[in-house]
Amino acid sequence: MAIYIDSAKPEEAKLALGTGWVYGITTNPALLAKSGLAPLETYQELAKLPANEIYYQVSSDDIAEMKRELAIIKEVLGDKLVVKIPPTPSGFRFAAEISGEYKTC
């Protein structure tokens, strides 16, 4: 069983990962707003931690913009990236387009 911390605060994630029980980090736009850092800076700090997976939720509803977001965050998170897809018509189309290339949920 994999356990995840649902937080975008790097210090909280570091503590949780230090227990040896936490596999990854899940984030969303609301959690990012509470991190105290700019979103990209938050992910840069989270990427330094020993998480196996870091979940990133796309915030746009436009497929071209989703792809732009994803290209930026992929550079930061690398193989730790798992893409959270918004449950919208464009989100589902986006998931179909990227699912062979990225881990999605």
Protein backbone atom coordinates (compact mmCIF):
# COMPACT_ATOMS: atom_id res chain seq x y z
CA MET A 1 0.00 0.00 0.00
CA ALA A 2 1.30 3.46 -0.92
CA ILE A 3 0.73 6.40 1.41
CA TYR A 4 0.79 9.99 0.15
CA ILE A 5 0.95 13.34 1.90
CA ASP A 6 -1.65 15.80 0.60
CA SER A 7 0.31 19.04 0.96
CA ALA A 8 2.26 21.52 -1.12
CA LYS A 9 4.30 22.77 1.83
CA PRO A 10 7.85 21.48 1.34
CA GLU A 11 8.57 21.39 5.09
CA GLU A 12 5.49 19.24 5.77
CA ALA A 13 6.34 16.91 2.91
CA LYS A 14 9.93 16.57 4.13
CA LEU A 15 8.76 15.59 7.62
CA ALA A 16 6.25 13.07 6.26
CA LEU A 17 8.75 11.52 3.85
CA GLY A 18 11.25 11.25 6.69
CA THR A 19 9.00 8.76 8.47
CA GLY A 20 9.74 6.15 5.82
CA TRP A 21 6.04 5.48 5.35
CA VAL A 22 5.16 8.08 2.73
CA TYR A 23 5.56 7.17 -0.95
CA GLY A 24 4.64 10.44 -2.63
CA ILE A 25 3.10 13.89 -2.55
CA THR A 26 -0.26 14.99 -3.91
CA THR A 27 -0.96 18.64 -4.62
CA ASN A 28 -3.70 20.76 -6.13
CA PRO A 29 -4.22 24.48 -6.78
CA ALA A 30 -5.80 25.08 -3.33
CA LEU A 31 -2.85 23.44 -1.57
CA LEU A 32 -0.39 25.41 -3.72
CA ALA A 33 -2.03 28.65 -2.60
CA LYS A 34 -1.24 27.69 1.01
CA SER A 35 2.41 26.78 0.39
CA GLY A 36 3.78 30.28 0.94
CA LEU A 37 5.83 30.05 -2.27
CA ALA A 38 5.15 30.70 -5.94
CA PRO A 39 3.77 27.54 -7.61
CA LEU A 40 6.88 26.82 -9.69
CA GLU A 41 9.15 27.44 -6.69
CA THR A 42 7.00 25.06 -4.64
CA TYR A 43 7.49 22.28 -7.19
CA GLN A 44 11.20 22.99 -7.41
CA GLU A 45 11.46 22.50 -3.64
CA LEU A 46 9.25 19.39 -3.66
CA ALA A 47 11.35 17.89 -6.47
CA LYS A 48 14.41 17.94 -4.18
CA LEU A 49 12.68 15.62 -1.70
CA PRO A 50 12.90 11.80 -1.84
CA ALA A 51 9.29 11.32 -2.99
CA ASN A 52 8.67 8.60 -5.56
CA GLU A 53 5.77 10.49 -7.13
CA ILE A 54 4.58 14.08 -7.08
CA TYR A 55 1.09 14.80 -8.34
CA TYR A 56 0.50 17.94 -10.39
CA GLN A 57 -3.02 19.09 -11.27
CA VAL A 58 -3.39 21.00 -14.52
CA SER A 59 -5.20 24.28 -13.91
CA SER A 60 -6.21 25.35 -17.41
CA ASP A 61 -9.28 24.14 -19.29
CA ASP A 62 -7.61 24.73 -22.67
CA ILE A 63 -5.76 21.72 -24.09
CA ALA A 64 -2.94 23.78 -25.65
CA GLU A 65 -2.40 25.56 -22.32
CA MET A 66 -2.51 22.22 -20.46
CA LYS A 67 0.29 20.98 -22.71
CA ARG A 68 2.30 24.14 -22.03
CA GLU A 69 1.85 23.69 -18.26
CA LEU A 70 2.84 20.06 -18.51
CA ALA A 71 6.03 20.82 -20.46
CA ILE A 72 7.14 23.26 -17.76
CA ILE A 73 6.36 21.00 -14.81
CA LYS A 74 7.92 17.96 -16.50
CA GLU A 75 11.23 19.87 -16.61
CA VAL A 76 10.98 20.40 -12.85
CA LEU A 77 9.63 17.05 -11.63
CA GLY A 78 11.02 14.66 -14.24
CA ASP A 79 10.05 11.03 -13.68
CA LYS A 80 8.35 11.83 -10.36
CA LEU A 81 5.49 13.55 -12.22
CA VAL A 82 1.96 12.17 -12.09
CA VAL A 83 -0.61 14.34 -13.88
CA LYS A 84 -3.96 14.92 -12.20
CA ILE A 85 -6.63 15.48 -14.83
CA PRO A 86 -9.60 17.78 -14.18
CA PRO A 87 -12.91 15.92 -14.72
CA THR A 88 -14.05 18.16 -17.59
CA PRO A 89 -14.65 17.41 -21.27
CA SER A 90 -11.34 19.05 -22.23
CA GLY A 91 -9.61 17.33 -19.31
CA PHE A 92 -10.75 13.94 -20.58
CA ARG A 93 -9.60 14.75 -24.13
CA PHE A 94 -6.27 15.90 -22.72
CA ALA A 95 -5.91 12.67 -20.73
CA ALA A 96 -6.51 10.63 -23.87
CA GLU A 97 -3.78 12.57 -25.67
CA ILE A 98 -1.10 12.23 -22.97
CA SER A 99 -1.89 8.93 -21.26
CA GLY A 100 0.63 6.95 -23.30
CA GLU A 101 3.40 9.38 -22.42
CA TYR A 102 2.66 10.35 -18.80
CA LYS A 103 1.29 8.75 -15.66
CA THR A 104 -2.17 10.19 -15.15
CA CYS A 105 -4.95 10.01 -12.62
